PDB file of all heavy atoms in Angstrom:
ATOM      1  N   THR A   1     -16.517  -9.010  15.191  1.00  0.00           N
ATOM      2  CA  THR A   1     -15.083  -9.348  15.114  1.00  0.00           C
ATOM      3  C   THR A   1     -14.195  -8.119  15.030  1.00  0.00           C
ATOM      4  O   THR A   1     -12.980  -8.216  15.174  1.00  0.00           O
ATOM      5  CB  THR A   1     -14.807 -10.232  13.891  1.00  0.00           C
ATOM      6  OG1 THR A   1     -15.024  -9.454  12.696  1.00  0.00           O
ATOM      7  CG2 THR A   1     -15.709 -11.452  13.893  1.00  0.00           C
ATOM      8  N   ARG A   2     -14.780  -6.943  14.770  1.00  0.00           N
ATOM      9  CA  ARG A   2     -14.056  -5.676  14.571  1.00  0.00           C
ATOM     10  C   ARG A   2     -13.250  -5.667  13.290  1.00  0.00           C
ATOM     11  O   ARG A   2     -12.451  -4.769  13.025  1.00  0.00           O
ATOM     12  CB  ARG A   2     -13.145  -5.318  15.750  1.00  0.00           C
ATOM     13  CG  ARG A   2     -13.803  -4.427  16.769  1.00  0.00           C
ATOM     14  CD  ARG A   2     -14.897  -5.092  17.521  1.00  0.00           C
ATOM     15  NE  ARG A   2     -14.362  -6.096  18.440  1.00  0.00           N
ATOM     16  CZ  ARG A   2     -15.134  -7.012  19.022  1.00  0.00           C
ATOM     17  NH1 ARG A   2     -16.432  -7.054  18.782  1.00  0.00           N
ATOM     18  NH2 ARG A   2     -14.595  -7.890  19.840  1.00  0.00           N
ATOM     19  N   ALA A   3     -13.377  -6.688  12.451  1.00  0.00           N
ATOM     20  CA  ALA A   3     -12.654  -6.740  11.183  1.00  0.00           C
ATOM     21  C   ALA A   3     -13.127  -5.619  10.267  1.00  0.00           C
ATOM     22  O   ALA A   3     -14.310  -5.253  10.257  1.00  0.00           O
ATOM     23  CB  ALA A   3     -12.863  -8.089  10.514  1.00  0.00           C
ATOM     24  N   VAL A   4     -12.191  -5.058   9.484  1.00  0.00           N
ATOM     25  CA  VAL A   4     -12.501  -3.958   8.572  1.00  0.00           C
ATOM     26  C   VAL A   4     -12.251  -4.402   7.135  1.00  0.00           C
ATOM     27  O   VAL A   4     -11.223  -5.007   6.831  1.00  0.00           O
ATOM     28  CB  VAL A   4     -11.642  -2.716   8.900  1.00  0.00           C
ATOM     29  CG1 VAL A   4     -11.898  -1.605   7.880  1.00  0.00           C
ATOM     30  CG2 VAL A   4     -11.935  -2.220  10.310  1.00  0.00           C
ATOM     31  N   GLU A   5     -13.212  -4.116   6.267  1.00  0.00           N
ATOM     32  CA  GLU A   5     -13.070  -4.431   4.846  1.00  0.00           C
ATOM     33  C   GLU A   5     -13.164  -3.149   4.026  1.00  0.00           C
ATOM     34  O   GLU A   5     -14.061  -2.340   4.230  1.00  0.00           O
ATOM     35  CB  GLU A   5     -14.157  -5.405   4.379  1.00  0.00           C
ATOM     36  CG  GLU A   5     -14.073  -6.781   5.006  1.00  0.00           C
ATOM     37  CD  GLU A   5     -15.163  -7.699   4.488  1.00  0.00           C
ATOM     38  OE1 GLU A   5     -15.862  -7.298   3.507  1.00  0.00           O
ATOM     39  OE2 GLU A   5     -15.345  -8.793   5.049  1.00  0.00           O
ATOM     40  N   ARG A   6     -12.222  -2.943   3.104  1.00  0.00           N
ATOM     41  CA  ARG A   6     -12.246  -1.778   2.222  1.00  0.00           C
ATOM     42  C   ARG A   6     -13.195  -2.074   1.057  1.00  0.00           C
ATOM     43  O   ARG A   6     -13.005  -3.022   0.299  1.00  0.00           O
ATOM     44  CB  ARG A   6     -10.827  -1.502   1.734  1.00  0.00           C
ATOM     45  CG  ARG A   6     -10.645  -0.422   0.705  1.00  0.00           C
ATOM     46  CD  ARG A   6     -10.764   1.018   1.159  1.00  0.00           C
ATOM     47  NE  ARG A   6     -10.489   1.374   2.506  1.00  0.00           N
ATOM     48  CZ  ARG A   6      -9.415   2.035   2.940  1.00  0.00           C
ATOM     49  NH1 ARG A   6      -8.476   2.393   2.103  1.00  0.00           N
ATOM     50  NH2 ARG A   6      -9.299   2.371   4.208  1.00  0.00           N
ATOM     51  N   LEU A   7     -14.241  -1.266   0.908  1.00  0.00           N
ATOM     52  CA  LEU A   7     -15.224  -1.441  -0.167  1.00  0.00           C
ATOM     53  C   LEU A   7     -14.901  -0.586  -1.382  1.00  0.00           C
ATOM     54  O   LEU A   7     -15.204  -0.970  -2.518  1.00  0.00           O
ATOM     55  CB  LEU A   7     -16.620  -1.080   0.346  1.00  0.00           C
ATOM     56  CG  LEU A   7     -17.139  -1.902   1.530  1.00  0.00           C
ATOM     57  CD1 LEU A   7     -18.491  -1.368   1.987  1.00  0.00           C
ATOM     58  CD2 LEU A   7     -17.230  -3.386   1.163  1.00  0.00           C
ATOM     59  N   TRP A   8     -14.290   0.572  -1.139  1.00  0.00           N
ATOM     60  CA  TRP A   8     -14.005   1.487  -2.247  1.00  0.00           C
ATOM     61  C   TRP A   8     -13.011   2.531  -1.794  1.00  0.00           C
ATOM     62  O   TRP A   8     -12.972   2.910  -0.617  1.00  0.00           O
ATOM     63  CB  TRP A   8     -15.303   2.171  -2.703  1.00  0.00           C
ATOM     64  CG  TRP A   8     -15.106   3.274  -3.700  1.00  0.00           C
ATOM     65  CD1 TRP A   8     -14.968   3.155  -5.050  1.00  0.00           C
ATOM     66  CD2 TRP A   8     -15.019   4.679  -3.405  1.00  0.00           C
ATOM     67  NE1 TRP A   8     -14.805   4.399  -5.621  1.00  0.00           N
ATOM     68  CE2 TRP A   8     -14.832   5.350  -4.629  1.00  0.00           C
ATOM     69  CE3 TRP A   8     -15.089   5.415  -2.232  1.00  0.00           C
ATOM     70  CZ2 TRP A   8     -14.704   6.734  -4.703  1.00  0.00           C
ATOM     71  CZ3 TRP A   8     -14.958   6.788  -2.298  1.00  0.00           C
ATOM     72  CH2 TRP A   8     -14.773   7.439  -3.535  1.00  0.00           C
ATOM     73  N   ARG A   9     -12.166   2.985  -2.747  1.00  0.00           N
ATOM     74  CA  ARG A   9     -11.248   4.072  -2.485  1.00  0.00           C
ATOM     75  C   ARG A   9     -11.124   4.925  -3.737  1.00  0.00           C
ATOM     76  O   ARG A   9     -11.076   4.395  -4.864  1.00  0.00           O
ATOM     77  CB  ARG A   9      -9.867   3.548  -2.076  1.00  0.00           C
ATOM     78  CG  ARG A   9      -8.918   4.647  -1.593  1.00  0.00           C
ATOM     79  CD  ARG A   9      -7.548   4.096  -1.269  1.00  0.00           C
ATOM     80  NE  ARG A   9      -6.688   5.113  -0.647  1.00  0.00           N
ATOM     81  CZ  ARG A   9      -5.401   4.960  -0.435  1.00  0.00           C
ATOM     82  NH1 ARG A   9      -4.799   3.819  -0.784  1.00  0.00           N
ATOM     83  NH2 ARG A   9      -4.690   5.931   0.127  1.00  0.00           N
ATOM     84  N   CYS A  10     -11.087   6.213  -3.544  1.00  0.00           N
ATOM     85  CA  CYS A  10     -10.940   7.152  -4.653  1.00  0.00           C
ATOM     86  C   CYS A  10      -9.652   6.867  -5.423  1.00  0.00           C
ATOM     87  O   CYS A  10      -8.621   6.533  -4.827  1.00  0.00           O
ATOM     88  CB  CYS A  10     -10.927   8.563  -4.083  1.00  0.00           C
ATOM     89  SG  CYS A  10     -10.432   9.849  -5.228  1.00  0.00           S
ATOM     90  N   ASP A  11      -9.706   7.013  -6.754  1.00  0.00           N
ATOM     91  CA  ASP A  11      -8.481   6.793  -7.524  1.00  0.00           C
ATOM     92  C   ASP A  11      -7.522   7.968  -7.356  1.00  0.00           C
ATOM     93  O   ASP A  11      -7.868   9.013  -6.800  1.00  0.00           O
ATOM     94  CB  ASP A  11      -8.796   6.540  -9.005  1.00  0.00           C
ATOM     95  CG  ASP A  11      -9.435   7.736  -9.694  1.00  0.00           C
ATOM     96  OD1 ASP A  11      -8.835   8.823  -9.655  1.00  0.00           O
ATOM     97  OD2 ASP A  11     -10.530   7.588 -10.279  1.00  0.00           O
ATOM     98  N   GLU A  12      -6.303   7.810  -7.844  1.00  0.00           N
ATOM     99  CA  GLU A  12      -5.245   8.781  -7.586  1.00  0.00           C
ATOM    100  C   GLU A  12      -5.397  10.070  -8.386  1.00  0.00           C
ATOM    101  O   GLU A  12      -4.790  11.081  -8.044  1.00  0.00           O
ATOM    102  CB  GLU A  12      -3.879   8.161  -7.906  1.00  0.00           C
ATOM    103  CG  GLU A  12      -3.503   7.002  -7.001  1.00  0.00           C
ATOM    104  CD  GLU A  12      -2.157   6.417  -7.350  1.00  0.00           C
ATOM    105  OE1 GLU A  12      -1.649   6.728  -8.469  1.00  0.00           O
ATOM    106  OE2 GLU A  12      -1.598   5.659  -6.545  1.00  0.00           O
ATOM    107  N   ASN A  13      -6.183  10.055  -9.455  1.00  0.00           N
ATOM    108  CA  ASN A  13      -6.267  11.202 -10.354  1.00  0.00           C
ATOM    109  C   ASN A  13      -7.524  12.039 -10.159  1.00  0.00           C
ATOM    110  O   ASN A  13      -7.922  12.790 -11.047  1.00  0.00           O
ATOM    111  CB  ASN A  13      -6.183  10.717 -11.805  1.00  0.00           C
ATOM    112  CG  ASN A  13      -4.890   9.968 -12.071  1.00  0.00           C
ATOM    113  OD1 ASN A  13      -3.818  10.413 -11.668  1.00  0.00           O
ATOM    114  ND2 ASN A  13      -4.984   8.823 -12.736  1.00  0.00           N
ATOM    115  N   ALA A  14      -8.145  11.907  -9.006  1.00  0.00           N
ATOM    116  CA  ALA A  14      -9.360  12.677  -8.724  1.00  0.00           C
ATOM    117  C   ALA A  14      -9.499  12.803  -7.217  1.00  0.00           C
ATOM    118  O   ALA A  14      -8.742  12.199  -6.443  1.00  0.00           O
ATOM    119  CB  ALA A  14     -10.590  12.000  -9.319  1.00  0.00           C
ATOM    120  N   TYR A  15     -10.456  13.635  -6.803  1.00  0.00           N
ATOM    121  CA  TYR A  15     -10.854  13.693  -5.407  1.00  0.00           C
ATOM    122  C   TYR A  15     -12.341  13.383  -5.384  1.00  0.00           C
ATOM    123  O   TYR A  15     -13.164  14.171  -5.873  1.00  0.00           O
ATOM    124  CB  TYR A  15     -10.569  15.058  -4.792  1.00  0.00           C
ATOM    125  CG  TYR A  15     -10.948  15.123  -3.327  1.00  0.00           C
ATOM    126  CD1 TYR A  15     -10.049  14.738  -2.345  1.00  0.00           C
ATOM    127  CD2 TYR A  15     -12.217  15.548  -2.943  1.00  0.00           C
ATOM    128  CE1 TYR A  15     -10.398  14.774  -1.002  1.00  0.00           C
ATOM    129  CE2 TYR A  15     -12.580  15.592  -1.606  1.00  0.00           C
ATOM    130  CZ  TYR A  15     -11.665  15.198  -0.643  1.00  0.00           C
ATOM    131  OH  TYR A  15     -12.018  15.226   0.682  1.00  0.00           O
ATOM    132  N   GLU A  16     -12.705  12.231  -4.850  1.00  0.00           N
ATOM    133  CA  GLU A  16     -14.093  11.788  -4.839  1.00  0.00           C
ATOM    134  C   GLU A  16     -14.418  11.270  -3.453  1.00  0.00           C
ATOM    135  O   GLU A  16     -13.729  10.398  -2.919  1.00  0.00           O
ATOM    136  CB  GLU A  16     -14.307  10.695  -5.878  1.00  0.00           C
ATOM    137  CG  GLU A  16     -15.742  10.269  -6.042  1.00  0.00           C
ATOM    138  CD  GLU A  16     -15.948   9.328  -7.224  1.00  0.00           C
ATOM    139  OE1 GLU A  16     -14.948   8.937  -7.859  1.00  0.00           O
ATOM    140  OE2 GLU A  16     -17.114   8.986  -7.521  1.00  0.00           O
ATOM    141  N   SER A  17     -15.453  11.823  -2.857  1.00  0.00           N
ATOM    142  CA  SER A  17     -15.816  11.452  -1.488  1.00  0.00           C
ATOM    143  C   SER A  17     -17.258  10.975  -1.430  1.00  0.00           C
ATOM    144  O   SER A  17     -18.094  11.325  -2.279  1.00  0.00           O
ATOM    145  CB  SER A  17     -15.630  12.643  -0.550  1.00  0.00           C
ATOM    146  OG  SER A  17     -16.412  13.741  -0.978  1.00  0.00           O
ATOM    147  N   VAL A  18     -17.553  10.170  -0.425  1.00  0.00           N
ATOM    148  CA  VAL A  18     -18.897   9.617  -0.253  1.00  0.00           C
ATOM    149  C   VAL A  18     -19.806  10.686   0.351  1.00  0.00           C
ATOM    150  O   VAL A  18     -19.527  11.220   1.427  1.00  0.00           O
ATOM    151  CB  VAL A  18     -18.857   8.371   0.647  1.00  0.00           C
ATOM    152  CG1 VAL A  18     -20.273   7.884   0.942  1.00  0.00           C
ATOM    153  CG2 VAL A  18     -18.040   7.267  -0.008  1.00  0.00           C
ATOM    154  N   ALA A  19     -20.886  11.001  -0.360  1.00  0.00           N
ATOM    155  CA  ALA A  19     -21.868  11.963   0.155  1.00  0.00           C
ATOM    156  C   ALA A  19     -22.979  11.251   0.922  1.00  0.00           C
ATOM    157  O   ALA A  19     -23.496  11.779   1.905  1.00  0.00           O
ATOM    158  CB  ALA A  19     -22.467  12.764  -0.998  1.00  0.00           C
ATOM    159  N   ALA A  20     -23.332  10.039   0.479  1.00  0.00           N
ATOM    160  CA  ALA A  20     -24.379   9.274   1.157  1.00  0.00           C
ATOM    161  C   ALA A  20     -24.336   7.829   0.684  1.00  0.00           C
ATOM    162  O   ALA A  20     -23.918   7.544  -0.444  1.00  0.00           O
ATOM    163  CB  ALA A  20     -25.763   9.860   0.876  1.00  0.00           C
ATOM    164  N   LEU A  21     -24.729   6.930   1.563  1.00  0.00           N
ATOM    165  CA  LEU A  21     -24.900   5.528   1.186  1.00  0.00           C
ATOM    166  C   LEU A  21     -26.369   5.341   0.856  1.00  0.00           C
ATOM    167  O   LEU A  21     -27.243   5.645   1.677  1.00  0.00           O
ATOM    168  CB  LEU A  21     -24.450   4.625   2.325  1.00  0.00           C
ATOM    169  CG  LEU A  21     -24.253   3.141   1.987  1.00  0.00           C
ATOM    170  CD1 LEU A  21     -23.228   2.513   2.921  1.00  0.00           C
ATOM    171  CD2 LEU A  21     -25.568   2.380   2.092  1.00  0.00           C
ATOM    172  N   VAL A  22     -26.664   4.840  -0.355  1.00  0.00           N
ATOM    173  CA  VAL A  22     -28.045   4.785  -0.837  1.00  0.00           C
ATOM    174  C   VAL A  22     -28.706   3.459  -0.487  1.00  0.00           C
ATOM    175  O   VAL A  22     -29.736   3.410   0.187  1.00  0.00           O
ATOM    176  CB  VAL A  22     -28.096   5.040  -2.359  1.00  0.00           C
ATOM    177  CG1 VAL A  22     -29.543   5.012  -2.852  1.00  0.00           C
ATOM    178  CG2 VAL A  22     -27.444   6.378  -2.697  1.00  0.00           C
ATOM    179  N   THR A  23     -28.097   2.352  -0.946  1.00  0.00           N
ATOM    180  CA  THR A  23     -28.639   1.017  -0.667  1.00  0.00           C
ATOM    181  C   THR A  23     -27.481   0.048  -0.450  1.00  0.00           C
ATOM    182  O   THR A  23     -26.341   0.331  -0.831  1.00  0.00           O
ATOM    183  CB  THR A  23     -29.502   0.491  -1.825  1.00  0.00           C
ATOM    184  OG1 THR A  23     -28.701   0.424  -3.018  1.00  0.00           O
ATOM    185  CG2 THR A  23     -30.708   1.376  -2.073  1.00  0.00           C
ATOM    186  N   VAL A  24     -27.796  -1.104   0.144  1.00  0.00           N
ATOM    187  CA  VAL A  24     -26.830  -2.184   0.309  1.00  0.00           C
ATOM    188  C   VAL A  24     -27.492  -3.473  -0.141  1.00  0.00           C
ATOM    189  O   VAL A  24     -28.589  -3.812   0.324  1.00  0.00           O
ATOM    190  CB  VAL A  24     -26.378  -2.320   1.781  1.00  0.00           C
ATOM    191  CG1 VAL A  24     -25.322  -3.412   1.908  1.00  0.00           C
ATOM    192  CG2 VAL A  24     -25.858  -0.998   2.314  1.00  0.00           C
ATOM    193  N   ASP A  25     -26.853  -4.210  -1.092  1.00  0.00           N
ATOM    194  CA  ASP A  25     -27.466  -5.448  -1.576  1.00  0.00           C
ATOM    195  C   ASP A  25     -27.226  -6.590  -0.596  1.00  0.00           C
ATOM    196  O   ASP A  25     -26.559  -6.439   0.433  1.00  0.00           O
ATOM    197  CB  ASP A  25     -26.968  -5.797  -2.984  1.00  0.00           C
ATOM    198  CG  ASP A  25     -25.490  -6.146  -3.036  1.00  0.00           C
ATOM    199  OD1 ASP A  25     -24.922  -6.545  -2.006  1.00  0.00           O
ATOM    200  OD2 ASP A  25     -24.886  -6.030  -4.131  1.00  0.00           O
ATOM    201  N   ALA A  26     -27.768  -7.757  -0.924  1.00  0.00           N
ATOM    202  CA  ALA A  26     -27.697  -8.904  -0.024  1.00  0.00           C
ATOM    203  C   ALA A  26     -26.268  -9.350   0.245  1.00  0.00           C
ATOM    204  O   ALA A  26     -25.977  -9.970   1.272  1.00  0.00           O
ATOM    205  CB  ALA A  26     -28.505 -10.055  -0.602  1.00  0.00           C
ATOM    206  N   ASN A  27     -25.367  -9.046  -0.683  1.00  0.00           N
ATOM    207  CA  ASN A  27     -23.965  -9.435  -0.509  1.00  0.00           C
ATOM    208  C   ASN A  27     -23.138  -8.374   0.217  1.00  0.00           C
ATOM    209  O   ASN A  27     -21.923  -8.516   0.348  1.00  0.00           O
ATOM    210  CB  ASN A  27     -23.333  -9.720  -1.872  1.00  0.00           C
ATOM    211  CG  ASN A  27     -24.014 -10.874  -2.596  1.00  0.00           C
ATOM    212  OD1 ASN A  27     -24.340 -11.890  -1.971  1.00  0.00           O
ATOM    213  ND2 ASN A  27     -24.251 -10.717  -3.894  1.00  0.00           N
ATOM    214  N   GLY A  28     -23.804  -7.304   0.641  1.00  0.00           N
ATOM    215  CA  GLY A  28     -23.096  -6.261   1.368  1.00  0.00           C
ATOM    216  C   GLY A  28     -22.474  -5.205   0.477  1.00  0.00           C
ATOM    217  O   GLY A  28     -21.744  -4.348   0.969  1.00  0.00           O
ATOM    218  N   ALA A  29     -22.710  -5.260  -0.823  1.00  0.00           N
ATOM    219  CA  ALA A  29     -22.148  -4.261  -1.742  1.00  0.00           C
ATOM    220  C   ALA A  29     -23.094  -3.064  -1.810  1.00  0.00           C
ATOM    221  O   ALA A  29     -24.253  -3.209  -2.204  1.00  0.00           O
ATOM    222  CB  ALA A  29     -21.954  -4.858  -3.123  1.00  0.00           C
ATOM    223  N   PRO A  30     -22.618  -1.885  -1.442  1.00  0.00           N
ATOM    224  CA  PRO A  30     -23.505  -0.726  -1.425  1.00  0.00           C
ATOM    225  C   PRO A  30     -23.523   0.032  -2.750  1.00  0.00           C
ATOM    226  O   PRO A  30     -22.620  -0.079  -3.575  1.00  0.00           O
ATOM    227  CB  PRO A  30     -22.909   0.142  -0.318  1.00  0.00           C
ATOM    228  CG  PRO A  30     -21.452  -0.195  -0.314  1.00  0.00           C
ATOM    229  CD  PRO A  30     -21.325  -1.610  -0.802  1.00  0.00           C
ATOM    230  N   SER A  31     -24.567   0.818  -2.916  1.00  0.00           N
ATOM    231  CA  SER A  31     -24.600   1.874  -3.916  1.00  0.00           C
ATOM    232  C   SER A  31     -24.448   3.182  -3.155  1.00  0.00           C
ATOM    233  O   SER A  31     -25.116   3.390  -2.133  1.00  0.00           O
ATOM    234  CB  SER A  31     -25.922   1.869  -4.683  1.00  0.00           C
ATOM    235  OG  SER A  31     -26.034   0.708  -5.472  1.00  0.00           O
ATOM    236  N   VAL A  32     -23.556   4.051  -3.638  1.00  0.00           N
ATOM    237  CA  VAL A  32     -23.258   5.273  -2.902  1.00  0.00           C
ATOM    238  C   VAL A  32     -23.370   6.487  -3.810  1.00  0.00           C
ATOM    239  O   VAL A  32     -23.136   6.405  -5.029  1.00  0.00           O
ATOM    240  CB  VAL A  32     -21.850   5.228  -2.280  1.00  0.00           C
ATOM    241  CG1 VAL A  32     -21.779   4.184  -1.184  1.00  0.00           C
ATOM    242  CG2 VAL A  32     -20.784   4.986  -3.326  1.00  0.00           C
TER     243      VAL A  32
END
């Protein structure tokens, strides 16, 4: 469908970026 879902965003008081995606559970929620 090309639909996009936001899973996570860094908060305003830090700079935090994704280094790697580790696992994804059955509901599509990842550990990063």
